[in-house]
């Protein structure tokens, strides 16, 4: 009985705002990720995709 793992989906707007915290507001990636309640590596990945 294997179950498929379900991942939380974030809307594109949320991702853009999260990356903007780092690129425009001067937050560090770990600070921004913690304040948004997401994993640090997730935010690094979003940031990399936008650049």
N, C-alpha and C. Protein backbone atom coordinates (compact mmCIF):
# COMPACT_ATOMS: atom_id res chain seq x y z
N UNK A 1 0.83 -1.19 0.00
CA UNK A 1 0.00 0.00 0.00
C UNK A 1 0.87 1.25 0.00
N UNK A 2 1.36 1.58 -1.15
CA UNK A 2 2.18 2.79 -1.22
C UNK A 2 1.28 3.98 -1.55
N UNK A 3 1.52 5.05 -0.84
CA UNK A 3 0.75 6.27 -1.09
C UNK A 3 1.65 7.26 -1.79
N UNK A 4 1.07 8.00 -2.72
CA UNK A 4 1.84 9.05 -3.37
C UNK A 4 2.03 10.19 -2.39
N UNK A 5 3.21 10.72 -2.39
CA UNK A 5 3.51 11.84 -1.51
C UNK A 5 2.86 13.10 -2.09
N UNK A 6 2.16 13.85 -1.27
CA UNK A 6 1.56 15.08 -1.77
C UNK A 6 2.38 16.27 -1.26
N UNK A 7 2.74 17.09 -2.21
CA UNK A 7 3.54 18.28 -1.88
C UNK A 7 2.63 19.49 -1.86
N UNK A 8 2.97 20.43 -1.00
CA UNK A 8 2.18 21.65 -0.92
C UNK A 8 2.48 22.49 -2.16
N UNK A 9 1.44 22.95 -2.79
CA UNK A 9 1.58 23.79 -3.97
C UNK A 9 1.46 25.26 -3.56
N UNK A 10 2.40 26.07 -4.02
CA UNK A 10 2.34 27.49 -3.73
C UNK A 10 2.02 28.25 -5.00
N UNK A 11 1.14 29.24 -4.91
CA UNK A 11 0.81 30.01 -6.12
C UNK A 11 2.01 30.83 -6.58
N UNK A 12 2.09 31.12 -7.87
CA UNK A 12 3.22 31.90 -8.40
C UNK A 12 3.39 33.25 -7.72
N UNK A 13 2.29 33.87 -7.32
CA UNK A 13 2.36 35.17 -6.66
C UNK A 13 3.11 35.06 -5.33
N UNK A 14 2.84 33.97 -4.60
CA UNK A 14 3.50 33.76 -3.32
C UNK A 14 5.00 33.60 -3.53
N UNK A 15 5.37 32.84 -4.55
CA UNK A 15 6.79 32.62 -4.84
C UNK A 15 7.48 33.93 -5.20
N UNK A 16 6.81 34.74 -6.02
CA UNK A 16 7.38 36.04 -6.42
C UNK A 16 7.57 36.95 -5.21
N UNK A 17 6.58 36.98 -4.34
CA UNK A 17 6.68 37.82 -3.13
C UNK A 17 7.80 37.33 -2.22
N UNK A 18 7.93 36.02 -2.10
CA UNK A 18 8.98 35.45 -1.25
C UNK A 18 10.35 35.81 -1.78
N UNK A 19 10.54 35.70 -3.08
CA UNK A 19 11.83 36.04 -3.70
C UNK A 19 12.08 37.55 -3.57
N UNK A 20 11.02 38.34 -3.69
CA UNK A 20 11.16 39.80 -3.57
C UNK A 20 11.63 40.20 -2.18
N UNK A 21 11.24 39.47 -1.16
CA UNK A 21 11.72 39.76 0.19
C UNK A 21 13.23 39.73 0.24
N UNK A 22 13.81 38.78 -0.47
CA UNK A 22 15.27 38.61 -0.47
C UNK A 22 15.93 39.62 -1.40
N UNK A 23 15.41 39.74 -2.62
CA UNK A 23 16.08 40.56 -3.63
C UNK A 23 15.83 42.06 -3.45
N UNK A 24 14.65 42.43 -2.97
CA UNK A 24 14.31 43.85 -2.89
C UNK A 24 14.30 44.40 -1.46
N UNK A 25 13.93 43.57 -0.50
CA UNK A 25 13.78 44.05 0.88
C UNK A 25 15.03 43.85 1.73
N UNK A 26 15.99 43.11 1.20
CA UNK A 26 17.25 42.94 1.93
C UNK A 26 17.25 41.84 2.99
N UNK A 27 16.24 40.99 2.97
CA UNK A 27 16.22 39.86 3.90
C UNK A 27 17.22 38.81 3.43
N UNK A 28 17.76 38.04 4.37
CA UNK A 28 18.55 36.88 3.96
C UNK A 28 17.56 35.77 3.63
N UNK A 29 18.01 34.79 2.86
CA UNK A 29 17.12 33.68 2.49
C UNK A 29 16.61 32.94 3.72
N UNK A 30 17.50 32.59 4.68
CA UNK A 30 16.98 31.89 5.88
C UNK A 30 15.97 32.73 6.68
N UNK A 31 16.20 34.04 6.78
CA UNK A 31 15.25 34.91 7.50
C UNK A 31 13.89 34.92 6.82
N UNK A 32 13.91 35.12 5.52
CA UNK A 32 12.66 35.19 4.76
C UNK A 32 11.92 33.86 4.82
N UNK A 33 12.64 32.76 4.65
CA UNK A 33 12.01 31.44 4.68
C UNK A 33 11.37 31.17 6.03
N UNK A 34 12.08 31.52 7.09
CA UNK A 34 11.54 31.29 8.44
C UNK A 34 10.28 32.12 8.67
N UNK A 35 10.31 33.38 8.25
CA UNK A 35 9.15 34.25 8.48
C UNK A 35 7.94 33.79 7.66
N UNK A 36 8.18 33.14 6.52
CA UNK A 36 7.08 32.66 5.69
C UNK A 36 6.66 31.23 6.02
N UNK A 37 7.46 30.57 6.84
CA UNK A 37 7.14 29.21 7.22
C UNK A 37 7.40 28.19 6.13
N UNK A 38 8.43 28.46 5.32
CA UNK A 38 8.79 27.51 4.25
C UNK A 38 10.24 27.07 4.45
N UNK A 39 10.62 26.02 3.75
CA UNK A 39 11.98 25.50 3.85
C UNK A 39 12.95 26.43 3.13
N UNK A 40 14.14 26.57 3.71
CA UNK A 40 15.15 27.45 3.14
C UNK A 40 15.53 27.03 1.72
N UNK A 41 15.73 25.71 1.53
CA UNK A 41 16.15 25.25 0.20
C UNK A 41 15.09 25.51 -0.86
N UNK A 42 13.83 25.55 -0.45
CA UNK A 42 12.75 25.85 -1.37
C UNK A 42 12.88 27.29 -1.89
N UNK A 43 13.14 28.21 -0.98
CA UNK A 43 13.29 29.60 -1.36
C UNK A 43 14.53 29.81 -2.22
N UNK A 44 15.61 29.12 -1.92
CA UNK A 44 16.81 29.19 -2.76
C UNK A 44 16.48 28.74 -4.19
N UNK A 45 15.69 27.67 -4.30
CA UNK A 45 15.32 27.15 -5.62
C UNK A 45 14.47 28.16 -6.40
N UNK A 46 13.48 28.77 -5.72
CA UNK A 46 12.64 29.77 -6.38
C UNK A 46 13.47 30.95 -6.85
N UNK A 47 14.39 31.37 -6.00
CA UNK A 47 15.24 32.52 -6.31
C UNK A 47 16.10 32.22 -7.54
N UNK A 48 16.63 31.02 -7.58
CA UNK A 48 17.48 30.60 -8.70
C UNK A 48 16.69 30.59 -10.01
N UNK A 49 15.45 30.12 -9.94
CA UNK A 49 14.61 30.07 -11.14
C UNK A 49 14.29 31.45 -11.67
N UNK A 50 14.10 32.41 -10.78
CA UNK A 50 13.72 33.76 -11.20
C UNK A 50 14.91 34.53 -11.80
N UNK A 51 16.12 34.13 -11.44
CA UNK A 51 17.29 34.87 -11.93
C UNK A 51 17.75 34.41 -13.31
